[in-house]
Amino acid sequence: MIDDFAFDETMEKGRHRRSAQRKRNRKRKGGRSRTVAALLMTFVLLGVLGGVGWYGFDRVQGYFITPDYDGNGTGEVQVQVEAGQTLADIANTLVEAGVIKSTKAFIEAAEENSRSQNIQPGLYKVRKQMSAAAALALLLDPKSKVTNLFTIPEGTTAKRIFRLLSERTKIPVKEFEKAAKDPEELGVPDWWFNRKDNQKVTKSIEGFLFPFPDSYELLPNATAEEILKQMVQRFLEVTEEIDFVKTVETKRGGISPYEALIVASLAQAEAGNKDDLGKIARVAYNRAYGNMLYCENGNGLMNCLEFDVGVNYYWELTGKKTKASKDMTHADLFDKNNPYRMHGKAGLTPTPINNPGKDALKGAMDPPPGKWLFFVAVDKEGHSEFAETNEEHERNIQKARENGVL
């Protein structure tokens, strides 16, 4: 009995041990699964956190490190710097063209370069994907500028300017003529055409196309209208710089700025030397407004200019061949069909007869005092002698002949 009981007890204990072992095995097996899952979760979390961390670092880095390319870039691209643009405007243009990586980089480079304010309007050759500093250096290098310069001589007529521009731009002359029909559309303020001399107002672009001896920068693909607007704008800038309008209105009492512009064009046409521009303007004022001269038309005292240059201007306008003054006949000078004649006719011409330069404008707005009524070039350098009386004038003419000028 004892042996059976012992056996049973042994069997029972064996079953308990096996059952406990199976539980431990299940627990161990389940523990391993949970450990593996936990490890996998850890790796996933680390990956997510790492990604978020890298993204965050990249974003934060963007706040502290300005996006910029390295080096001098590759290829070639042209960018236009417009007049009046700020450094930020220029930077935006460069970003849009793929030249630099960020506006901020260019502005920072400009802040470190004291010459950055010297960037001039114009067309520039630059490269793609340049560092901002390298791009700035190119914009400050005159060799990078695409030059399309055009010079307008002082005293050039509008008709001649249209031909010169057409030759240079290949835009037909007719397009310039069409654009010039309405001076106000090109930017000439309407008050510029006010006259106080009781003569008919004739609106013309003549006189307002400022001749720029240094040169104009012709913008690529510019239209005839845009080019003429550029020249009118330059005229307005120059007259403002020298205070032309205010000076005329305060010092040339009773004479409008438009009349002074006409006088400037007459002086520009007659003067052979810029030193004489102011004196010739004074002669024009004395003759046109002084009632000091007897005119040949038989009407007694009359304020006649008697300049020959108006005749040639009208001939040029109408396609007729011009002449030297010494070759003009009495009929040429007194042709009543010529509205620009200044013989036998009182007052100034209907419009300016050319586009005067800055010196001529200065001479007309503030000429030197004097009672001169006559002048004649007396040497081959174009210097003139001035006279108050006809007798003095005749002596000056003789001097010109002796010097081989007449």
Protein backbone atom coordinates (compact mmCIF):
# COMPACT_ATOMS: atom_id res chain seq x y z
CA MET A 1 0.00 0.00 0.00
CA ILE A 2 2.75 2.24 0.99
CA ASP A 3 4.54 1.56 -2.32
CA ASP A 4 1.41 2.28 -4.38
CA PHE A 5 0.83 5.50 -2.55
CA ALA A 6 4.39 6.49 -3.03
CA PHE A 7 4.13 5.74 -6.69
CA ASP A 8 0.95 7.72 -7.01
CA GLU A 9 2.51 10.61 -5.14
CA THR A 10 5.53 10.40 -7.36
CA MET A 11 3.33 10.38 -10.41
CA GLU A 12 1.34 13.33 -9.07
CA LYS A 13 4.49 15.29 -8.36
CA GLY A 14 5.76 14.45 -11.83
CA ARG A 15 2.56 15.77 -13.35
CA HIS A 16 2.88 18.97 -11.31
CA ARG A 17 6.47 19.39 -12.37
CA ARG A 18 5.63 18.85 -16.03
CA SER A 19 2.70 21.20 -15.79
CA ALA A 20 4.85 23.85 -14.14
CA GLN A 21 7.56 23.32 -16.75
CA ARG A 22 5.03 23.76 -19.55
CA LYS A 23 3.82 27.00 -17.94
CA ARG A 24 7.37 28.19 -17.60
CA ASN A 25 8.07 27.23 -21.20
CA ARG A 26 4.96 29.08 -22.35
CA LYS A 27 5.95 32.09 -20.29
CA ARG A 28 9.50 31.97 -21.63
CA LYS A 29 8.23 31.57 -25.16
CA GLY A 30 5.77 34.44 -24.75
CA GLY A 31 8.49 36.56 -23.16
CA ARG A 32 10.75 36.06 -26.12
CA SER A 33 7.97 37.18 -28.48
CA ARG A 34 7.26 40.22 -26.41
CA THR A 35 10.97 41.05 -26.29
CA VAL A 36 11.32 40.82 -30.05
CA ALA A 37 8.21 42.99 -30.52
CA ALA A 38 9.55 45.50 -28.04
CA LEU A 39 12.86 45.59 -29.82
CA LEU A 40 11.11 46.12 -33.13
CA MET A 41 9.02 48.93 -31.66
CA THR A 42 12.16 50.49 -30.27
CA PHE A 43 13.83 50.45 -33.67
CA VAL A 44 10.72 51.92 -35.28
CA LEU A 45 10.48 54.66 -32.69
CA LEU A 46 14.14 55.43 -33.01
CA GLY A 47 13.73 55.64 -36.77
CA VAL A 48 10.75 57.97 -36.47
CA LEU A 49 12.45 60.09 -33.87
CA GLY A 50 15.59 60.15 -35.95
CA GLY A 51 13.65 61.25 -39.02
CA VAL A 52 11.82 63.91 -37.07
CA GLY A 53 15.08 65.01 -35.52
CA TRP A 54 16.81 65.25 -38.89
CA TYR A 55 13.85 67.13 -40.39
CA GLY A 56 13.82 69.47 -37.42
CA PHE A 57 17.56 69.97 -37.63
CA ASP A 58 17.28 70.68 -41.31
CA ARG A 59 14.52 73.20 -40.67
CA VAL A 60 16.40 74.85 -37.84
CA GLN A 61 19.57 74.84 -39.88
CA GLY A 62 17.64 76.74 -42.58
CA TYR A 63 17.06 79.54 -40.13
CA PHE A 64 20.72 79.89 -39.25
CA ILE A 65 22.47 78.93 -42.50
CA THR A 66 21.57 81.03 -45.59
CA PRO A 67 20.88 78.90 -48.68
CA ASP A 68 23.62 79.60 -51.19
CA TYR A 69 25.41 77.91 -54.07
CA ASP A 70 29.17 77.35 -54.04
CA GLY A 71 31.59 78.57 -56.66
CA ASN A 72 31.31 80.57 -59.86
CA GLY A 73 28.50 78.65 -61.52
CA THR A 74 28.24 77.22 -65.03
CA GLY A 75 26.80 78.15 -68.40
CA GLU A 76 25.59 81.64 -69.21
CA VAL A 77 22.41 83.61 -68.67
CA GLN A 78 21.56 87.29 -69.14
CA VAL A 79 19.74 89.34 -66.53
CA GLN A 80 18.39 92.88 -66.75
CA VAL A 81 18.92 95.35 -63.92
CA GLU A 82 16.30 98.07 -64.20
CA ALA A 83 16.77 101.68 -63.13
CA GLY A 84 15.52 102.27 -59.59
CA GLN A 85 15.66 98.63 -58.51
CA THR A 86 16.65 97.88 -54.91
CA LEU A 87 19.16 95.20 -53.95
CA ALA A 88 16.23 92.97 -53.00
CA ASP A 89 14.68 93.52 -56.45
CA ILE A 90 17.96 92.59 -58.13
CA ALA A 91 18.28 89.52 -55.90
CA ASN A 92 14.77 88.37 -56.84
CA THR A 93 15.65 88.72 -60.52
CA LEU A 94 18.75 86.59 -59.99
CA VAL A 95 16.79 83.92 -58.09
CA GLU A 96 14.14 83.73 -60.82
CA ALA A 97 16.85 83.34 -63.45
CA GLY A 98 18.46 80.46 -61.50
CA VAL A 99 21.63 82.44 -60.88
CA ILE A 100 21.61 82.44 -57.07
CA LYS A 101 19.89 80.21 -54.52
CA SER A 102 18.27 82.80 -52.26
CA THR A 103 17.54 86.49 -52.00
CA LYS A 104 18.92 86.49 -48.47
CA ALA A 105 22.33 85.27 -49.65
CA PHE A 106 22.64 88.12 -52.13
CA ILE A 107 21.58 90.76 -49.62
CA GLU A 108 24.08 89.41 -47.07
CA ALA A 109 26.83 89.48 -49.72
CA ALA A 110 25.85 93.06 -50.63
CA GLU A 111 25.97 94.14 -46.98
CA GLU A 112 29.56 92.89 -46.80
CA ASN A 113 30.58 94.72 -49.99
CA SER A 114 30.73 98.52 -49.80
CA ARG A 115 30.56 98.76 -53.60
CA SER A 116 27.21 97.01 -53.86
CA GLN A 117 25.38 100.32 -54.21
CA ASN A 118 27.31 100.94 -57.44
CA ILE A 119 25.38 98.38 -59.52
CA GLN A 120 24.30 100.15 -62.70
CA PRO A 121 21.15 99.54 -64.75
CA GLY A 122 21.73 97.41 -67.82
CA LEU A 123 21.98 93.91 -69.22
CA TYR A 124 24.55 91.56 -67.65
CA LYS A 125 26.08 88.20 -68.55
CA VAL A 126 26.12 85.93 -65.50
CA ARG A 127 26.07 82.16 -64.86
CA LYS A 128 23.68 79.61 -63.43
CA GLN A 129 23.99 78.48 -59.80
CA MET A 130 26.60 80.96 -58.65
CA SER A 131 27.38 81.89 -55.10
CA ALA A 132 25.75 85.18 -54.20
CA ALA A 133 29.14 86.83 -53.69
CA ALA A 134 30.31 85.69 -57.14
CA ALA A 135 27.10 86.98 -58.75
CA LEU A 136 27.52 90.35 -57.03
CA ALA A 137 31.10 90.56 -58.27
CA LEU A 138 29.93 90.08 -61.87
CA LEU A 139 27.30 92.79 -61.55
CA LEU A 140 30.04 95.15 -60.37
CA ASP A 141 32.39 94.19 -63.20
CA PRO A 142 31.99 96.48 -66.27
CA LYS A 143 33.17 93.62 -68.48
CA SER A 144 30.05 91.64 -67.57
CA LYS A 145 27.74 94.34 -68.90
CA VAL A 146 26.25 93.78 -72.33
CA THR A 147 26.82 97.16 -73.93
CA ASN A 148 24.40 98.48 -76.51
CA LEU A 149 25.33 102.15 -76.32
CA PHE A 150 23.95 104.78 -78.62
CA THR A 151 25.15 108.37 -78.90
CA ILE A 152 22.92 111.29 -79.93
CA PRO A 153 24.89 114.41 -80.93
CA GLU A 154 23.68 117.70 -79.49
CA GLY A 155 21.53 119.65 -81.91
CA THR A 156 20.33 116.59 -83.84
CA THR A 157 16.83 116.97 -85.28
CA ALA A 158 14.10 114.46 -84.47
CA LYS A 159 13.96 113.36 -88.11
CA ARG A 160 17.67 112.58 -88.06
CA ILE A 161 17.38 110.82 -84.70
CA PHE A 162 14.71 108.52 -86.11
CA ARG A 163 17.02 107.53 -88.98
CA LEU A 164 19.96 106.90 -86.65
CA LEU A 165 17.84 104.81 -84.30
CA SER A 166 16.40 102.83 -87.18
CA GLU A 167 19.86 102.02 -88.50
CA ARG A 168 20.94 100.81 -85.07
CA THR A 169 17.81 98.91 -83.99
CA LYS A 170 16.40 97.86 -87.39
CA ILE A 171 13.06 99.32 -86.29
CA PRO A 172 11.48 101.09 -89.31
CA VAL A 173 11.62 104.89 -89.28
CA LYS A 174 7.83 104.96 -89.67
CA GLU A 175 7.43 103.36 -86.24
CA PHE A 176 9.45 106.15 -84.62
CA GLU A 177 7.46 108.75 -86.55
CA LYS A 178 4.19 107.13 -85.47
CA ALA A 179 5.27 107.00 -81.82
CA ALA A 180 6.35 110.65 -81.95
CA LYS A 181 2.99 111.99 -83.15
CA ASP A 182 1.73 112.46 -79.60
CA PRO A 183 4.50 113.94 -77.41
CA GLU A 184 2.31 113.73 -74.31
CA GLU A 185 1.97 109.95 -74.75
CA LEU A 186 5.77 109.82 -74.63
CA GLY A 187 5.82 111.63 -71.31
CA VAL A 188 5.99 115.34 -72.21
CA PRO A 189 3.70 117.19 -69.73
CA ASP A 190 1.06 119.24 -71.55
CA TRP A 191 2.10 122.47 -69.76
CA TRP A 192 5.40 122.39 -71.61
CA PHE A 193 3.58 123.62 -74.72
CA ASN A 194 2.33 126.84 -73.12
CA ARG A 195 3.41 129.98 -74.98
CA LYS A 196 3.24 133.64 -73.94
CA ASP A 197 4.27 135.20 -77.26
CA ASN A 198 0.79 134.99 -78.83
CA GLN A 199 2.00 132.53 -81.46
CA LYS A 200 0.12 129.39 -82.42
CA VAL A 201 0.94 126.36 -80.29
CA THR A 202 2.33 123.49 -82.35
CA LYS A 203 2.91 120.33 -80.34
CA SER A 204 5.99 118.48 -81.51
CA ILE A 205 8.46 116.02 -80.05
CA GLU A 206 11.26 118.27 -81.37
CA GLY A 207 13.35 119.60 -78.51
CA PHE A 208 12.34 116.89 -76.04
CA LEU A 209 14.54 114.03 -77.30
CA PHE A 210 17.51 114.82 -75.15
CA PRO A 211 20.84 114.34 -76.94
CA PHE A 212 23.18 112.38 -74.71
CA PRO A 213 26.80 112.85 -75.82
CA ASP A 214 28.04 110.05 -73.54
CA SER A 215 25.45 107.50 -74.76
CA TYR A 216 22.11 105.83 -74.13
CA GLU A 217 21.84 102.19 -73.14
CA LEU A 218 19.41 100.75 -75.66
CA LEU A 219 17.41 98.05 -73.93
CA PRO A 220 17.13 94.73 -75.78
CA ASN A 221 13.90 94.28 -77.73
CA ALA A 222 12.78 97.84 -76.88
CA THR A 223 10.05 99.30 -79.09
CA ALA A 224 10.25 102.66 -80.85
CA GLU A 225 7.88 104.11 -78.26
CA GLU A 226 9.98 102.81 -75.35
CA ILE A 227 13.19 104.27 -76.79
CA LEU A 228 11.64 107.69 -77.35
CA LYS A 229 10.13 107.62 -73.86
CA GLN A 230 13.62 106.96 -72.52
CA MET A 231 14.93 110.07 -74.27
CA VAL A 232 12.02 112.24 -73.11
CA GLN A 233 12.57 111.03 -69.56
CA ARG A 234 16.21 112.03 -69.82
CA PHE A 235 15.17 115.51 -71.01
CA LEU A 236 12.87 115.90 -68.01
CA GLU A 237 15.62 114.72 -65.65
CA VAL A 238 18.18 117.15 -67.07
CA THR A 239 15.86 120.16 -67.05
CA GLU A 240 14.99 119.36 -63.45
CA GLU A 241 18.65 118.97 -62.50
CA ILE A 242 19.52 122.43 -63.85
CA ASP A 243 16.26 123.99 -62.61
CA PHE A 244 15.42 125.10 -66.14
CA VAL A 245 11.70 125.79 -65.74
CA LYS A 246 11.93 127.74 -62.49
CA THR A 247 14.90 129.79 -63.70
CA VAL A 248 13.16 130.76 -66.93
CA GLU A 249 9.94 131.68 -65.14
CA THR A 250 11.75 133.84 -62.57
CA LYS A 251 14.57 135.38 -64.64
CA ARG A 252 13.16 135.56 -68.17
CA GLY A 253 9.97 137.39 -67.20
CA GLY A 254 7.18 137.01 -69.74
CA ILE A 255 8.89 134.12 -71.55
CA SER A 256 7.60 130.57 -71.17
CA PRO A 257 9.89 127.53 -70.72
CA TYR A 258 8.81 126.33 -74.18
CA GLU A 259 9.92 129.58 -75.78
CA ALA A 260 13.25 129.30 -73.93
CA LEU A 261 13.57 125.75 -75.27
CA ILE A 262 13.09 127.11 -78.79
CA VAL A 263 15.81 129.72 -78.14
CA ALA A 264 18.13 126.96 -76.85
CA SER A 265 17.61 125.04 -80.10
CA LEU A 266 18.36 128.16 -82.18
CA ALA A 267 21.56 128.82 -80.24
CA GLN A 268 22.55 125.15 -80.57
CA ALA A 269 22.13 125.37 -84.35
CA GLU A 270 23.98 128.68 -84.74
CA ALA A 271 26.87 128.26 -82.28
CA GLY A 272 30.16 126.90 -83.53
CA ASN A 273 31.53 126.77 -79.99
CA LYS A 274 29.79 126.01 -76.70
CA ASP A 275 31.30 129.15 -75.12
CA ASP A 276 29.02 131.25 -77.34
CA LEU A 277 25.72 129.48 -76.59
CA GLY A 278 24.61 131.91 -73.89
CA LYS A 279 25.51 135.01 -75.92
CA ILE A 280 23.65 133.75 -78.99
CA ALA A 281 20.62 133.06 -76.77
CA ARG A 282 20.88 136.66 -75.58
CA VAL A 283 20.92 137.88 -79.19
CA ALA A 284 17.78 135.81 -79.88
CA TYR A 285 15.98 137.32 -76.90
CA ASN A 286 17.05 140.84 -77.86
CA ARG A 287 15.81 140.36 -81.40
CA ALA A 288 12.60 138.41 -80.72
CA TYR A 289 11.42 140.41 -77.73
CA GLY A 290 13.31 143.69 -77.88
CA ASN A 291 11.70 145.57 -80.80
CA MET A 292 15.18 146.84 -81.57
CA LEU A 293 15.66 145.84 -85.20
CA TYR A 294 14.43 147.16 -88.53
CA CYS A 295 13.33 144.28 -90.71
CA GLU A 296 13.68 144.22 -94.47
CA ASN A 297 10.00 143.52 -95.15
CA GLY A 298 9.20 147.22 -95.13
CA ASN A 299 6.97 147.14 -92.06
CA GLY A 300 9.26 149.35 -90.04
CA LEU A 301 10.47 148.36 -86.57
CA MET A 302 9.81 144.70 -86.06
CA ASN A 303 11.24 142.05 -83.75
CA CYS A 304 12.75 139.83 -86.44
CA LEU A 305 15.31 137.14 -85.61
CA GLU A 306 16.83 136.83 -89.11
CA PHE A 307 18.57 133.52 -88.33
CA ASP A 308 19.12 131.35 -91.41
CA VAL A 309 18.88 127.99 -89.61
CA GLY A 310 15.08 127.87 -89.64
CA VAL A 311 15.08 127.64 -93.43
CA ASN A 312 17.21 124.53 -93.46
CA TYR A 313 15.13 122.94 -90.69
CA TYR A 314 11.95 123.24 -92.74
CA TRP A 315 13.70 121.91 -95.81
CA GLU A 316 14.88 118.88 -93.84
CA LEU A 317 11.33 118.29 -92.53
CA THR A 318 9.92 118.37 -96.04
CA GLY A 319 12.67 116.30 -97.65
CA LYS A 320 14.31 119.15 -99.49
CA LYS A 321 18.08 119.47 -99.81
CA THR A 322 19.60 121.91 -97.33
CA LYS A 323 22.11 124.69 -98.13
CA ALA A 324 24.94 126.58 -96.49
CA SER A 325 23.88 130.07 -95.37
CA LYS A 326 26.12 131.74 -97.96
CA ASP A 327 24.29 129.87 -100.72
CA MET A 328 20.76 130.86 -99.66
CA THR A 329 18.98 133.31 -101.90
CA HIS A 330 16.67 136.16 -100.94
CA ALA A 331 13.76 134.02 -102.08
CA ASP A 332 14.92 131.19 -99.81
CA LEU A 333 15.13 133.41 -96.77
CA PHE A 334 11.82 135.21 -97.30
CA ASP A 335 9.71 132.28 -98.54
CA LYS A 336 6.27 132.91 -97.03
CA ASN A 337 5.39 129.23 -97.38
CA ASN A 338 8.10 128.36 -94.88
CA PRO A 339 6.65 128.65 -91.34
CA TYR A 340 10.16 128.36 -89.88
CA ARG A 341 11.64 131.31 -91.75
CA MET A 342 12.97 134.10 -89.53
CA HIS A 343 13.34 136.82 -92.17
CA GLY A 344 10.49 139.25 -92.70
CA LYS A 345 8.54 137.54 -89.95
CA ALA A 346 8.23 138.41 -86.28
CA GLY A 347 8.91 136.14 -83.34
CA LEU A 348 10.19 132.64 -82.73
CA THR A 349 9.71 129.51 -84.80
CA PRO A 350 6.61 127.31 -84.27
CA THR A 351 8.67 124.65 -82.46
CA PRO A 352 12.30 124.02 -81.50
CA ILE A 353 14.39 123.24 -84.58
CA ASN A 354 16.53 120.51 -82.99
CA ASN A 355 17.20 118.83 -79.66
CA PRO A 356 19.58 121.04 -77.67
CA GLY A 357 22.07 119.78 -75.10
CA LYS A 358 22.60 120.82 -71.50
CA ASP A 359 24.95 123.73 -72.25
CA ALA A 360 22.47 125.23 -74.71
CA LEU A 361 19.65 124.84 -72.18
CA LYS A 362 21.73 126.59 -69.53
CA GLY A 363 22.60 129.38 -71.95
CA ALA A 364 18.95 129.96 -72.82
CA MET A 365 17.66 129.90 -69.26
CA ASP A 366 20.28 132.31 -67.93
CA PRO A 367 22.23 134.08 -70.71
CA PRO A 368 24.88 136.70 -69.94
CA PRO A 369 23.69 140.32 -70.01
CA GLY A 370 24.31 142.28 -73.19
CA LYS A 371 22.69 144.39 -75.91
CA TRP A 372 24.07 142.41 -78.82
CA LEU A 373 22.01 142.16 -81.96
CA PHE A 374 24.55 140.57 -84.30
CA PHE A 375 27.11 137.78 -84.27
CA VAL A 376 29.35 136.06 -86.80
CA ALA A 377 31.88 133.22 -86.57
CA VAL A 378 35.34 134.70 -87.01
CA ASP A 379 37.70 131.71 -86.80
CA LYS A 380 37.86 128.08 -87.82
CA GLU A 381 37.32 126.95 -84.22
CA GLY A 382 33.82 128.40 -84.44
CA HIS A 383 34.20 131.32 -82.03
CA SER A 384 31.89 134.25 -82.75
CA GLU A 385 32.23 138.00 -82.36
CA PHE A 386 29.18 139.93 -81.12
CA ALA A 387 28.06 143.45 -81.96
CA GLU A 388 25.41 145.95 -80.89
CA THR A 389 25.44 147.97 -84.11
CA ASN A 390 25.53 147.12 -87.77
CA GLU A 391 28.84 148.99 -88.15
CA GLU A 392 30.50 146.79 -85.54
CA HIS A 393 28.99 143.75 -87.19
CA GLU A 394 30.45 144.70 -90.58
CA ARG A 395 33.90 144.95 -89.02
CA ASN A 396 33.47 141.48 -87.53
CA ILE A 397 32.40 140.14 -90.93
CA GLN A 398 35.59 141.55 -92.44
CA LYS A 399 37.59 139.84 -89.73
CA ALA A 400 35.90 136.53 -90.56
CA ARG A 401 36.79 136.99 -94.23
CA GLU A 402 40.41 137.67 -93.40
CA ASN A 403 40.52 134.46 -91.37
CA GLY A 404 39.07 132.50 -94.29
CA VAL A 405 35.79 131.71 -92.55
CA LEU A 406 33.50 133.55 -95.00
